[in-house]
Amino acid sequence: MPLKALCAWKLQRMGSGWSTQAGAVSFLVQRGCLSWRVIVSSIDENSRELGFQVSVIELPRQFEKVNLVQEFMRFRKKVFVDRMAWPLYHMDDVEFEQYDTIDTTYVIAHSDSQVLGGARLKRTDATLGTGRVVYTYMIRDAHLGILPGMPATLCSSPPPIDPNVWELTRLAAVSDPPGVAEEILRESNKHLFAIGATSCLFLGPPAFMRMARRLGWMPEPMGPIVGNDDGRFLAFKCGVLHPCLVAS
């Protein structure tokens, strides 16, 4: 029985009292997620049906897959710099920045070596640098006013520093085939659930928050919708869901 069907069956069997027994289900599903991480996400039935796979690449542990990360950075340059004309740092055909460090996790949709989309995950308690300016993660650094061009009014209160809270940024995906961005979010949630994360922070346009709501999350805005020359965007927070509760 597929993992999602097995989990749905267990929740149905438990009825209205399933939450009191969620630990046992979480244990079984979490083991499944961990097994999935060790193998590769391409074995997921949904990925086979969609015609592409989504790989979670944890650096530096999976450094042998760094070529796929580099292809994702090329993809980002095409989307954010070439098409959307964002003034982002890039070198030749690659877009990267201070948050693309050796401890980053990437969630990348691809068909063989062709990247169809991806996102970047950062733990919110990580620090970058030891000099006068020490970076943490994009949302918090914008709030602190150390990111030129990013409004410091992005968040109404200080963003968290917590090993169980992660940030997802640089989400980009092709529109054909459909459903790539949604699958990246599903696999990101599955990974975060497997490692015990409790929440994820997001940065993107208002449509991004609406998509998260459609998939079953209950997004909480962290501040107002703000804007700059690149467009309108906001930061919002979602609790990490049991993978079975994310809409297919």
Protein backbone atom coordinates (compact mmCIF):
# COMPACT_ATOMS: atom_id res chain seq x y z
CA MET A 1 0.00 0.00 0.00
CA PRO A 2 1.44 3.46 -0.91
CA LEU A 3 2.58 5.59 2.01
CA LYS A 4 -0.12 8.22 1.58
CA ALA A 5 -2.89 5.62 1.27
CA LEU A 6 -1.60 3.75 4.31
CA CYS A 7 -1.52 6.92 6.37
CA ALA A 8 -5.02 7.96 5.25
CA TRP A 9 -6.31 4.49 6.15
CA LYS A 10 -4.78 4.73 9.62
CA LEU A 11 -6.26 8.17 10.24
CA GLN A 12 -9.67 6.93 9.10
CA ARG A 13 -9.43 3.89 11.37
CA MET A 14 -8.62 6.11 14.36
CA GLY A 15 -11.62 8.33 13.74
CA SER A 16 -12.11 11.53 15.69
CA GLY A 17 -9.54 10.53 18.29
CA TRP A 18 -6.67 10.25 15.83
CA SER A 19 -4.79 13.23 17.26
CA THR A 20 -4.23 11.47 20.57
CA GLN A 21 -2.49 8.66 18.70
CA ALA A 22 -0.65 10.87 16.22
CA GLY A 23 2.71 9.92 17.70
CA ALA A 24 2.42 6.33 16.52
CA VAL A 25 1.34 7.40 13.04
CA SER A 26 4.02 10.06 12.91
CA PHE A 27 6.60 7.45 13.85
CA LEU A 28 5.55 5.14 11.04
CA VAL A 29 5.31 7.90 8.47
CA GLN A 30 8.48 9.58 9.64
CA ARG A 31 10.35 6.34 9.18
CA GLY A 32 8.92 6.21 5.70
CA CYS A 33 10.05 9.75 5.00
CA LEU A 34 13.53 9.00 6.24
CA SER A 35 13.68 5.95 4.01
CA TRP A 36 12.50 8.09 1.13
CA ARG A 37 15.24 10.61 1.84
CA VAL A 38 17.95 7.98 1.82
CA ILE A 39 16.75 6.40 -1.41
CA VAL A 40 15.52 9.28 -3.62
CA SER A 41 12.23 10.99 -4.07
CA SER A 42 11.96 9.67 -7.63
CA ILE A 43 10.43 6.46 -6.25
CA ASP A 44 7.38 8.44 -5.11
CA GLU A 45 4.36 7.31 -7.18
CA ASN A 46 3.06 10.85 -7.54
CA SER A 47 6.38 11.96 -9.06
CA ARG A 48 6.22 9.13 -11.59
CA GLU A 49 2.68 10.17 -12.57
CA LEU A 50 3.76 13.78 -13.02
CA GLY A 51 6.67 12.85 -15.27
CA PHE A 52 9.36 14.44 -13.11
CA GLN A 53 10.98 13.88 -9.75
CA VAL A 54 11.77 16.10 -6.80
CA SER A 55 15.09 15.63 -5.02
CA VAL A 56 15.91 17.00 -1.57
CA ILE A 57 19.63 17.76 -1.48
CA GLU A 58 21.14 18.38 1.94
CA LEU A 59 24.55 20.01 1.79
CA PRO A 60 27.26 19.10 2.61
CA ARG A 61 26.03 15.54 3.20
CA GLN A 62 24.93 15.06 -0.41
CA PHE A 63 27.69 17.02 -2.08
CA GLU A 64 27.82 14.46 -4.87
CA LYS A 65 24.60 16.08 -6.18
CA VAL A 66 26.04 19.59 -6.28
CA ASN A 67 25.82 19.62 -10.09
CA LEU A 68 22.02 19.61 -9.78
CA VAL A 69 22.26 22.55 -7.37
CA GLN A 70 24.38 24.41 -9.90
CA GLU A 71 21.75 23.75 -12.58
CA PHE A 72 19.12 25.16 -10.20
CA MET A 73 21.20 28.33 -9.84
CA ARG A 74 21.31 28.60 -13.63
CA PHE A 75 17.54 28.18 -13.66
CA ARG A 76 17.21 30.94 -11.04
CA LYS A 77 19.27 33.29 -13.20
CA LYS A 78 16.99 32.68 -16.19
CA VAL A 79 13.87 33.31 -14.10
CA PHE A 80 14.81 36.11 -11.72
CA VAL A 81 17.49 38.01 -13.68
CA ASP A 82 16.77 37.39 -17.36
CA ARG A 83 12.97 37.23 -17.30
CA MET A 84 11.93 39.24 -14.23
CA ALA A 85 14.87 41.70 -14.43
CA TRP A 86 15.61 41.58 -10.69
CA PRO A 87 18.94 43.27 -9.86
CA LEU A 88 20.45 40.15 -8.28
CA TYR A 89 24.11 39.28 -8.14
CA HIS A 90 25.10 36.75 -10.77
CA MET A 91 28.21 35.51 -12.47
CA ASP A 92 28.00 34.34 -16.07
CA ASP A 93 24.86 32.18 -16.17
CA VAL A 94 24.52 31.48 -12.41
CA GLU A 95 22.56 33.45 -9.76
CA PHE A 96 23.72 32.97 -6.19
CA GLU A 97 24.07 35.00 -3.01
CA GLN A 98 25.24 34.90 0.59
CA TYR A 99 22.48 32.48 1.61
CA ASP A 100 23.67 29.79 -0.81
CA THR A 101 26.07 28.24 1.68
CA ILE A 102 27.43 24.77 2.29
CA ASP A 103 24.78 24.08 4.97
CA THR A 104 21.81 24.83 2.70
CA THR A 105 19.10 22.35 1.69
CA TYR A 106 17.71 22.53 -1.85
CA VAL A 107 14.46 21.02 -3.07
CA ILE A 108 14.76 20.64 -6.83
CA ALA A 109 12.26 19.37 -9.40
CA HIS A 110 13.92 17.87 -12.44
CA SER A 111 13.56 15.50 -15.34
CA ASP A 112 16.90 13.72 -15.41
CA SER A 113 19.37 16.66 -15.35
CA GLN A 114 16.91 19.27 -16.65
CA VAL A 115 15.77 21.50 -13.78
CA LEU A 116 12.08 22.40 -13.79
CA GLY A 117 12.06 24.37 -10.55
CA GLY A 118 13.24 24.44 -6.98
CA ALA A 119 13.44 26.19 -3.64
CA ARG A 120 16.00 26.86 -0.94
CA LEU A 121 15.62 25.88 2.72
CA LYS A 122 17.60 27.52 5.54
CA ARG A 123 17.44 26.87 9.27
CA THR A 124 16.65 30.10 11.08
CA ASP A 125 19.29 29.68 13.79
CA ALA A 126 22.19 29.53 11.31
CA THR A 127 24.59 32.47 11.05
CA LEU A 128 26.62 33.57 8.05
CA GLY A 129 29.86 35.47 8.53
CA THR A 130 31.89 36.73 11.46
CA GLY A 131 32.55 40.35 10.49
CA ARG A 132 30.72 43.59 11.18
CA VAL A 133 27.59 42.27 9.45
CA VAL A 134 26.47 38.77 10.41
CA TYR A 135 23.67 37.39 8.24
CA THR A 136 21.07 34.88 9.42
CA TYR A 137 18.27 34.34 6.90
CA MET A 138 16.59 36.57 4.36
CA ILE A 139 13.36 37.48 6.18
CA ARG A 140 15.11 38.33 9.44
CA ASP A 141 17.93 40.23 7.75
CA ALA A 142 15.37 42.31 5.84
CA HIS A 143 13.63 43.08 9.15
CA LEU A 144 16.99 44.16 10.61
CA GLY A 145 17.56 46.50 7.68
CA ILE A 146 20.78 44.93 6.41
CA LEU A 147 19.49 43.92 2.96
CA PRO A 148 19.59 46.86 0.54
CA GLY A 149 16.33 47.24 -1.35
CA MET A 150 14.33 45.02 1.00
CA PRO A 151 11.79 46.88 3.19
CA ALA A 152 12.54 46.69 6.92
CA THR A 153 8.76 46.81 7.47
CA LEU A 154 8.42 43.27 6.12
CA CYS A 155 7.66 41.85 9.59
CA SER A 156 5.59 43.38 12.38
CA SER A 157 7.72 41.72 15.08
CA PRO A 158 11.22 40.19 15.21
CA PRO A 159 11.40 36.95 13.18
CA PRO A 160 12.41 33.85 15.17
CA ILE A 161 15.79 32.25 15.68
CA ASP A 162 14.87 28.62 16.26
CA PRO A 163 16.43 25.31 15.11
CA ASN A 164 12.93 23.94 14.50
CA VAL A 165 11.88 26.83 12.25
CA TRP A 166 13.11 26.98 8.66
CA GLU A 167 12.85 29.52 5.85
CA LEU A 168 11.90 28.73 2.25
CA THR A 169 12.96 31.22 -0.43
CA ARG A 170 13.90 31.37 -4.12
CA LEU A 171 10.87 29.28 -5.15
CA ALA A 172 10.69 29.16 -8.93
CA ALA A 173 9.14 26.68 -11.33
CA VAL A 174 8.12 26.22 -14.94
CA SER A 175 4.42 26.34 -15.78
CA ASP A 176 4.60 23.37 -18.14
CA PRO A 177 4.28 20.67 -16.94
CA PRO A 178 1.75 22.01 -14.44
CA GLY A 179 2.02 21.38 -10.71
CA VAL A 180 5.79 21.71 -10.33
CA ALA A 181 5.69 24.48 -7.71
CA GLU A 182 3.05 22.64 -5.71
CA GLU A 183 5.09 19.44 -5.72
CA ILE A 184 8.18 21.34 -4.55
CA LEU A 185 6.17 22.62 -1.58
CA ARG A 186 4.83 19.14 -0.79
CA GLU A 187 8.30 17.62 -0.79
CA SER A 188 9.68 20.52 1.26
CA ASN A 189 7.00 19.90 3.87
CA LYS A 190 7.68 16.16 3.81
CA HIS A 191 11.38 16.76 4.41
CA LEU A 192 10.77 19.26 7.22
CA PHE A 193 8.31 16.88 8.87
CA ALA A 194 10.85 14.08 8.68
CA ILE A 195 13.56 16.08 10.44
CA GLY A 196 11.23 17.33 13.18
CA ALA A 197 10.78 20.95 12.08
CA THR A 198 7.67 22.68 13.41
CA SER A 199 7.27 25.75 11.19
CA CYS A 200 8.42 27.23 7.91
CA LEU A 201 8.65 30.89 6.92
CA PHE A 202 8.01 31.95 3.34
CA LEU A 203 8.76 35.04 1.30
CA GLY A 204 6.94 35.70 -1.94
CA PRO A 205 4.07 37.43 -3.73
CA PRO A 206 0.52 37.27 -2.30
CA ALA A 207 -0.31 34.51 -4.80
CA PHE A 208 2.27 32.33 -3.05
CA MET A 209 0.31 32.50 0.21
CA ARG A 210 -2.92 31.68 -1.62
CA MET A 211 -1.27 28.60 -3.14
CA ALA A 212 -0.13 27.48 0.32
CA ARG A 213 -3.71 27.81 1.57
CA ARG A 214 -5.04 25.74 -1.34
CA LEU A 215 -2.60 22.96 -0.46
CA GLY A 216 -3.91 22.74 3.10
CA TRP A 217 -1.64 25.01 5.13
CA MET A 218 -2.99 27.80 7.34
CA PRO A 219 -0.60 30.66 6.52
CA GLU A 220 -0.15 33.47 9.03
CA PRO A 221 1.12 36.79 7.63
CA MET A 222 4.19 38.03 9.50
CA GLY A 223 3.59 41.61 8.42
CA PRO A 224 1.97 43.73 5.71
CA ILE A 225 2.27 43.32 1.97
CA VAL A 226 5.26 45.45 0.99
CA GLY A 227 6.91 46.28 -2.28
CA ASN A 228 9.97 47.55 -4.09
CA ASP A 229 11.05 47.80 -7.71
CA ASP A 230 10.77 44.01 -8.01
CA GLY A 231 7.05 43.87 -7.12
CA ARG A 232 4.74 43.22 -4.15
CA PHE A 233 5.51 40.50 -1.62
CA LEU A 234 5.06 39.44 1.98
CA ALA A 235 6.46 37.11 4.60
CA PHE A 236 4.21 34.47 6.11
CA LYS A 237 4.48 31.47 8.41
CA CYS A 238 3.03 27.97 8.14
CA GLY A 239 3.13 25.07 10.54
CA VAL A 240 4.76 21.93 9.14
CA LEU A 241 1.97 19.49 8.33
CA HIS A 242 1.74 15.75 8.55
CA PRO A 243 2.43 14.78 4.90
CA CYS A 244 -0.95 13.04 4.66
CA LEU A 245 -2.73 16.34 5.32
CA VAL A 246 -1.24 18.19 2.34
CA ALA A 247 -3.63 18.35 -0.61
CA SER A 248 -2.70 16.25 -3.64
